[in-house]
Amino acid sequence: MQRRNTYQRQIIYEILKNTDIHPTADWIYSEVRKIIPNISLGTVYRNLKVLKEEGAIIEITDGKQSRFDARVDKHFHFKCNNCGSIYDIESSEVSNLEMSALEKKGFNVDSMEITLYGECPNCNKAGDN
């Protein structure tokens, strides 16, 4: 069943598509309210869920907090343990996993999610001072 593309969903998607900070729902809500002042946080959450179900966005979660990304091509993420920022990492920057070995064991991998953790360049520079 195809859902209709509502104005609220379109605005939420556009805001998410135009940032690379991997924002939280609260941040998205704050930005959407600049355009649609009477929107509720619940509406933002419902539309993020729909966008995720449709494959238009991905949700990045560490068990504590969800962040969202409109970039759905094959890439990985790096989360800074110090400042909490999340960065996109190109799949070519991370050595390839041996998928053929998994396939030989009978696994059929449809997708994968990899998040690297450590210290980002900004925090690393700050620690050098």
N, C-alpha and C. Protein backbone atom coordinates (compact mmCIF):
# COMPACT_ATOMS: atom_id res chain seq x y z
N MET A 1 0.83 -1.18 0.00
CA MET A 1 0.00 0.00 0.00
C MET A 1 0.88 1.25 0.00
N GLN A 2 0.70 2.08 -0.96
CA GLN A 2 1.45 3.33 -1.08
C GLN A 2 0.82 4.39 -0.18
N ARG A 3 1.63 5.00 0.64
CA ARG A 3 1.15 6.10 1.48
C ARG A 3 1.25 7.39 0.70
N ARG A 4 0.35 8.29 0.98
CA ARG A 4 0.45 9.59 0.32
C ARG A 4 1.58 10.38 0.96
N ASN A 5 2.25 11.18 0.18
CA ASN A 5 3.37 11.97 0.66
C ASN A 5 2.82 13.28 1.22
N THR A 6 2.74 13.38 2.53
CA THR A 6 2.17 14.56 3.15
C THR A 6 3.16 15.72 3.14
N TYR A 7 2.63 16.91 3.31
CA TYR A 7 3.47 18.11 3.37
C TYR A 7 4.45 18.00 4.54
N GLN A 8 3.96 17.54 5.70
CA GLN A 8 4.83 17.41 6.87
C GLN A 8 5.98 16.44 6.58
N ARG A 9 5.67 15.30 5.97
CA ARG A 9 6.71 14.31 5.67
C ARG A 9 7.71 14.87 4.68
N GLN A 10 7.23 15.61 3.71
CA GLN A 10 8.12 16.21 2.71
C GLN A 10 9.09 17.19 3.38
N ILE A 11 8.60 18.03 4.28
CA ILE A 11 9.45 18.99 4.97
C ILE A 11 10.46 18.28 5.85
N ILE A 12 10.02 17.27 6.59
CA ILE A 12 10.92 16.50 7.45
C ILE A 12 12.03 15.87 6.62
N TYR A 13 11.67 15.28 5.49
CA TYR A 13 12.66 14.65 4.62
C TYR A 13 13.64 15.68 4.06
N GLU A 14 13.13 16.80 3.61
CA GLU A 14 14.00 17.84 3.04
C GLU A 14 15.00 18.36 4.08
N ILE A 15 14.54 18.56 5.29
CA ILE A 15 15.44 19.02 6.36
C ILE A 15 16.51 17.98 6.62
N LEU A 16 16.11 16.73 6.69
CA LEU A 16 17.06 15.66 6.94
C LEU A 16 18.04 15.49 5.78
N LYS A 17 17.53 15.62 4.58
CA LYS A 17 18.37 15.47 3.38
C LYS A 17 19.42 16.58 3.28
N ASN A 18 19.11 17.74 3.83
CA ASN A 18 20.01 18.89 3.70
C ASN A 18 20.96 19.09 4.87
N THR A 19 21.15 18.05 5.67
CA THR A 19 22.13 18.12 6.75
C THR A 19 22.95 16.84 6.77
N ASP A 20 24.15 16.94 7.26
CA ASP A 20 24.98 15.74 7.40
C ASP A 20 25.37 15.49 8.86
N ILE A 21 24.61 16.09 9.78
CA ILE A 21 24.96 15.95 11.20
C ILE A 21 24.29 14.75 11.87
N HIS A 22 23.47 13.99 11.13
CA HIS A 22 22.79 12.83 11.68
C HIS A 22 21.99 13.24 12.93
N PRO A 23 20.97 14.08 12.73
CA PRO A 23 20.27 14.68 13.86
C PRO A 23 19.33 13.72 14.60
N THR A 24 18.98 14.14 15.80
CA THR A 24 17.97 13.43 16.59
C THR A 24 16.59 13.90 16.15
N ALA A 25 15.56 13.19 16.58
CA ALA A 25 14.18 13.59 16.28
C ALA A 25 13.89 14.96 16.89
N ASP A 26 14.42 15.23 18.07
CA ASP A 26 14.20 16.53 18.71
C ASP A 26 14.78 17.67 17.88
N TRP A 27 15.96 17.47 17.32
CA TRP A 27 16.58 18.50 16.47
C TRP A 27 15.73 18.71 15.22
N ILE A 28 15.30 17.61 14.61
CA ILE A 28 14.46 17.70 13.41
C ILE A 28 13.17 18.45 13.75
N TYR A 29 12.56 18.11 14.88
CA TYR A 29 11.33 18.77 15.33
C TYR A 29 11.55 20.27 15.46
N SER A 30 12.66 20.66 16.05
CA SER A 30 12.98 22.09 16.21
C SER A 30 13.09 22.79 14.86
N GLU A 31 13.71 22.14 13.90
CA GLU A 31 13.87 22.72 12.56
C GLU A 31 12.54 22.78 11.81
N VAL A 32 11.74 21.72 11.92
CA VAL A 32 10.44 21.68 11.22
C VAL A 32 9.51 22.76 11.77
N ARG A 33 9.57 23.01 13.07
CA ARG A 33 8.71 24.02 13.68
C ARG A 33 8.97 25.42 13.13
N LYS A 34 10.14 25.66 12.55
CA LYS A 34 10.43 26.95 11.92
C LYS A 34 9.59 27.13 10.66
N ILE A 35 9.15 26.00 10.06
CA ILE A 35 8.35 26.03 8.84
C ILE A 35 6.88 25.75 9.14
N ILE A 36 6.66 24.78 10.04
CA ILE A 36 5.30 24.38 10.43
C ILE A 36 5.21 24.54 11.95
N PRO A 37 4.89 25.74 12.42
CA PRO A 37 4.94 26.01 13.87
C PRO A 37 4.04 25.13 14.74
N ASN A 38 2.94 24.64 14.19
CA ASN A 38 2.01 23.88 15.01
C ASN A 38 2.19 22.36 14.92
N ILE A 39 3.26 21.90 14.31
CA ILE A 39 3.50 20.46 14.20
C ILE A 39 3.83 19.88 15.57
N SER A 40 3.41 18.66 15.82
CA SER A 40 3.71 18.03 17.11
C SER A 40 4.93 17.12 16.98
N LEU A 41 5.57 16.87 18.11
CA LEU A 41 6.71 15.96 18.14
C LEU A 41 6.27 14.56 17.72
N GLY A 42 5.06 14.17 18.11
CA GLY A 42 4.52 12.87 17.71
C GLY A 42 4.41 12.73 16.20
N THR A 43 4.01 13.81 15.53
CA THR A 43 3.91 13.79 14.07
C THR A 43 5.29 13.61 13.45
N VAL A 44 6.29 14.25 14.02
CA VAL A 44 7.66 14.08 13.51
C VAL A 44 8.09 12.63 13.69
N TYR A 45 7.88 12.06 14.86
CA TYR A 45 8.25 10.66 15.10
C TYR A 45 7.52 9.72 14.14
N ARG A 46 6.21 9.91 13.95
CA ARG A 46 5.45 9.04 13.05
C ARG A 46 5.98 9.13 11.62
N ASN A 47 6.29 10.34 11.18
CA ASN A 47 6.79 10.51 9.82
C ASN A 47 8.21 9.97 9.65
N LEU A 48 9.03 10.07 10.67
CA LEU A 48 10.36 9.45 10.60
C LEU A 48 10.22 7.93 10.47
N LYS A 49 9.27 7.36 11.19
CA LYS A 49 9.02 5.92 11.11
C LYS A 49 8.58 5.53 9.71
N VAL A 50 7.67 6.30 9.12
CA VAL A 50 7.21 6.02 7.75
C VAL A 50 8.37 6.14 6.77
N LEU A 51 9.15 7.19 6.86
CA LEU A 51 10.29 7.37 5.96
C LEU A 51 11.28 6.22 6.08
N LYS A 52 11.49 5.75 7.30
CA LYS A 52 12.39 4.61 7.52
C LYS A 52 11.80 3.34 6.90
N GLU A 53 10.51 3.10 7.11
CA GLU A 53 9.85 1.92 6.53
C GLU A 53 9.88 1.93 5.01
N GLU A 54 9.81 3.12 4.42
CA GLU A 54 9.85 3.26 2.97
C GLU A 54 11.26 3.17 2.41
N GLY A 55 12.28 3.18 3.28
CA GLY A 55 13.66 3.11 2.84
C GLY A 55 14.24 4.44 2.42
N ALA A 56 13.55 5.53 2.73
CA ALA A 56 14.03 6.86 2.35
C ALA A 56 15.10 7.37 3.30
N ILE A 57 15.11 6.87 4.54
CA ILE A 57 16.10 7.27 5.54
C ILE A 57 16.54 6.04 6.31
N ILE A 58 17.63 6.18 7.05
CA ILE A 58 18.05 5.13 7.97
C ILE A 58 18.11 5.70 9.38
N GLU A 59 17.97 4.80 10.33
CA GLU A 59 18.05 5.17 11.74
C GLU A 59 19.34 4.58 12.30
N ILE A 60 20.09 5.41 12.97
CA ILE A 60 21.34 4.99 13.62
C ILE A 60 21.08 5.06 15.11
N THR A 61 21.24 3.94 15.79
CA THR A 61 20.98 3.94 17.23
C THR A 61 22.10 3.25 17.97
N ASP A 62 22.40 3.78 19.15
CA ASP A 62 23.43 3.16 19.99
C ASP A 62 22.80 2.56 21.24
N GLY A 63 21.50 2.37 21.20
CA GLY A 63 20.79 1.83 22.35
C GLY A 63 20.30 2.91 23.30
N LYS A 64 20.85 4.10 23.18
CA LYS A 64 20.46 5.22 24.04
C LYS A 64 19.67 6.25 23.25
N GLN A 65 20.13 6.52 22.04
CA GLN A 65 19.57 7.62 21.27
C GLN A 65 19.55 7.26 19.79
N SER A 66 18.48 7.63 19.12
CA SER A 66 18.39 7.42 17.67
C SER A 66 18.76 8.69 16.94
N ARG A 67 19.49 8.52 15.87
CA ARG A 67 19.84 9.61 14.97
C ARG A 67 19.38 9.17 13.59
N PHE A 68 19.20 10.13 12.68
CA PHE A 68 18.63 9.81 11.38
C PHE A 68 19.51 10.33 10.26
N ASP A 69 19.46 9.62 9.13
CA ASP A 69 20.32 9.92 8.00
C ASP A 69 19.52 9.70 6.72
N ALA A 70 19.48 10.70 5.85
CA ALA A 70 18.78 10.57 4.57
C ALA A 70 19.68 9.95 3.52
N ARG A 71 20.92 9.73 3.86
CA ARG A 71 21.84 9.09 2.92
C ARG A 71 21.68 7.57 3.09
N VAL A 72 21.13 6.92 2.08
CA VAL A 72 20.82 5.50 2.20
C VAL A 72 21.72 4.61 1.34
N ASP A 73 22.70 5.21 0.65
CA ASP A 73 23.63 4.39 -0.12
C ASP A 73 24.56 3.65 0.84
N LYS A 74 25.35 2.73 0.31
CA LYS A 74 26.24 1.91 1.14
C LYS A 74 27.36 2.79 1.72
N HIS A 75 27.29 2.99 3.02
CA HIS A 75 28.35 3.71 3.73
C HIS A 75 28.27 3.33 5.20
N PHE A 76 29.30 3.69 5.94
CA PHE A 76 29.36 3.36 7.35
C PHE A 76 29.36 4.65 8.16
N HIS A 77 29.42 4.51 9.47
CA HIS A 77 29.42 5.68 10.35
C HIS A 77 30.52 5.58 11.39
N PHE A 78 30.97 6.75 11.82
CA PHE A 78 31.94 6.87 12.91
C PHE A 78 31.30 7.76 13.96
N LYS A 79 31.25 7.27 15.20
CA LYS A 79 30.69 8.08 16.29
C LYS A 79 31.82 8.42 17.26
N CYS A 80 31.97 9.71 17.53
CA CYS A 80 33.00 10.17 18.45
C CYS A 80 32.55 9.90 19.89
N ASN A 81 33.38 9.21 20.64
CA ASN A 81 33.09 8.91 22.04
C ASN A 81 33.13 10.16 22.91
N ASN A 82 33.81 11.20 22.42
CA ASN A 82 33.99 12.41 23.21
C ASN A 82 32.85 13.41 22.99
N CYS A 83 32.64 13.84 21.75
CA CYS A 83 31.63 14.88 21.48
C CYS A 83 30.30 14.32 21.01
N GLY A 84 30.25 13.05 20.63
CA GLY A 84 29.00 12.42 20.20
C GLY A 84 28.65 12.65 18.73
N SER A 85 29.49 13.36 18.00
CA SER A 85 29.22 13.60 16.58
C SER A 85 29.28 12.30 15.80
N ILE A 86 28.49 12.22 14.73
CA ILE A 86 28.50 11.05 13.85
C ILE A 86 28.92 11.52 12.47
N TYR A 87 29.85 10.79 11.87
CA TYR A 87 30.39 11.14 10.56
C TYR A 87 30.12 10.00 9.59
N ASP A 88 29.90 10.35 8.32
CA ASP A 88 29.80 9.34 7.27
C ASP A 88 31.20 8.87 6.92
N ILE A 89 31.34 7.56 6.75
CA ILE A 89 32.60 6.94 6.32
C ILE A 89 32.30 6.15 5.06
N GLU A 90 33.02 6.42 4.01
CA GLU A 90 32.80 5.71 2.75
C GLU A 90 33.20 4.25 2.93
N SER A 91 32.45 3.37 2.28
CA SER A 91 32.73 1.94 2.43
C SER A 91 34.13 1.60 1.91
N SER A 92 34.63 2.37 0.96
CA SER A 92 35.98 2.12 0.42
C SER A 92 37.07 2.46 1.44
N GLU A 93 36.72 3.25 2.47
CA GLU A 93 37.71 3.62 3.49
C GLU A 93 37.87 2.55 4.57
N VAL A 94 36.99 1.57 4.56
CA VAL A 94 37.04 0.48 5.53
C VAL A 94 37.29 -0.79 4.74
N SER A 95 38.23 -1.61 5.21
CA SER A 95 38.54 -2.83 4.47
C SER A 95 37.29 -3.69 4.30
N ASN A 96 37.19 -4.32 3.15
CA ASN A 96 36.02 -5.14 2.85
C ASN A 96 35.94 -6.36 3.75
N LEU A 97 34.75 -6.64 4.22
CA LEU A 97 34.52 -7.86 4.97
C LEU A 97 34.48 -9.01 3.98
N GLU A 98 34.87 -10.16 4.40
CA GLU A 98 34.88 -11.33 3.53
C GLU A 98 33.48 -11.94 3.47
N MET A 99 32.64 -11.38 2.61
CA MET A 99 31.26 -11.84 2.49
C MET A 99 31.19 -13.25 1.92
N SER A 100 32.11 -13.61 1.04
CA SER A 100 32.06 -14.95 0.44
C SER A 100 32.22 -16.03 1.50
N ALA A 101 32.99 -15.75 2.55
CA ALA A 101 33.15 -16.73 3.64
C ALA A 101 31.83 -16.94 4.37
N LEU A 102 31.08 -15.88 4.56
CA LEU A 102 29.77 -16.00 5.20
C LEU A 102 28.81 -16.78 4.30
N GLU A 103 28.86 -16.50 3.00
CA GLU A 103 27.98 -17.19 2.07
C GLU A 103 28.28 -18.68 2.04
N LYS A 104 29.55 -19.06 2.14
CA LYS A 104 29.93 -20.48 2.17
C LYS A 104 29.37 -21.18 3.40
N LYS A 105 29.16 -20.42 4.48
CA LYS A 105 28.59 -20.99 5.70
C LYS A 105 27.06 -20.98 5.66
N GLY A 106 26.47 -20.50 4.56
CA GLY A 106 25.03 -20.51 4.41
C GLY A 106 24.32 -19.22 4.77
N PHE A 107 25.08 -18.19 5.12
CA PHE A 107 24.46 -16.90 5.44
C PHE A 107 24.15 -16.14 4.15
N ASN A 108 22.98 -15.53 4.11
CA ASN A 108 22.59 -14.68 2.99
C ASN A 108 22.44 -13.26 3.53
N VAL A 109 23.45 -12.43 3.33
CA VAL A 109 23.48 -11.08 3.89
C VAL A 109 22.74 -10.12 2.96
N ASP A 110 21.66 -9.51 3.48
CA ASP A 110 20.91 -8.52 2.71
C ASP A 110 21.46 -7.12 2.91
N SER A 111 21.89 -6.83 4.13
CA SER A 111 22.43 -5.51 4.43
C SER A 111 23.29 -5.61 5.67
N MET A 112 24.05 -4.56 5.92
CA MET A 112 24.86 -4.53 7.13
C MET A 112 24.97 -3.09 7.61
N GLU A 113 25.20 -2.98 8.90
CA GLU A 113 25.30 -1.67 9.53
C GLU A 113 26.57 -1.70 10.38
N ILE A 114 27.50 -0.83 10.07
CA ILE A 114 28.75 -0.78 10.82
C ILE A 114 28.94 0.63 11.34
N THR A 115 29.18 0.72 12.64
CA THR A 115 29.51 2.00 13.26
C THR A 115 30.85 1.84 13.96
N LEU A 116 31.77 2.69 13.61
CA LEU A 116 33.08 2.72 14.25
C LEU A 116 33.03 3.74 15.38
N TYR A 117 33.74 3.48 16.45
CA TYR A 117 33.75 4.38 17.61
C TYR A 117 35.18 4.78 17.93
N GLY A 118 35.36 6.00 18.36
CA GLY A 118 36.68 6.50 18.73
C GLY A 118 36.63 7.99 18.94
N GLU A 119 37.70 8.66 18.58
CA GLU A 119 37.79 10.10 18.74
C GLU A 119 37.89 10.75 17.38
N CYS A 120 37.03 11.75 17.14
CA CYS A 120 37.00 12.43 15.84
C CYS A 120 38.22 13.36 15.70
N PRO A 121 38.50 13.83 14.49
CA PRO A 121 39.65 14.72 14.28
C PRO A 121 39.59 15.98 15.14
N ASN A 122 38.40 16.57 15.31
CA ASN A 122 38.29 17.79 16.12
C ASN A 122 38.66 17.54 17.57
N CYS A 123 38.16 16.47 18.14
CA CYS A 123 38.47 16.15 19.55
C CYS A 123 39.92 15.71 19.69
N ASN A 124 40.41 15.03 18.67
CA ASN A 124 41.80 14.56 18.70
C ASN A 124 42.75 15.76 18.71
N LYS A 125 42.45 16.80 17.91
CA LYS A 125 43.26 18.03 17.88
C LYS A 125 43.19 18.75 19.21
N ALA A 126 41.98 18.80 19.80
CA ALA A 126 41.81 19.49 21.08
C ALA A 126 42.60 18.82 22.18
N GLY A 127 42.73 17.51 22.10
CA GLY A 127 43.49 16.76 23.11
C GLY A 127 44.99 16.91 22.96
N ASP A 128 45.44 17.34 21.76
CA ASP A 128 46.87 17.51 21.51
C ASP A 128 47.41 18.80 22.15
N ASN A 129 46.52 19.72 22.51
CA ASN A 129 46.98 21.02 23.04
C ASN A 129 47.49 20.89 24.45
